[in-house]
């Protein structure tokens, strides 16, 4: 015999907040528990358009890997920008600012100031 539709609904999890919260917790567990797989996981989440937050983390992770910085990919975007500027990685800083929605005026100022000091 078939169960009534109303009874089936009692066992169904609603997408928001239950399933989304569960998926967030699972992603965090995987990111924390499997450091070697972070690049693949973040890339897959970015390609699947899972959330803007994880796409941002993927860009952060890539940038940190490419530049050889020894920092956590979850650091705030502004701090990562300041670190890039302090290391005179101005092209990377501009790209990071653009993808993070940060105004890049300070990058130009720091770059010009550095040129003047070197001159």
Foldseek 3Di string as FASTA:
>chain_A
DDDDPVVVVVPDDDCPPPVVVVVVVVLVCCVVVPVVCLQVSLVVCLVVPVDPVSVLLNVLVVLCVVVVPDDHSPPDLVVVLVVCLVVVVLVSSVVSCVSVVHDCPVSVVSNVVVVVVVD
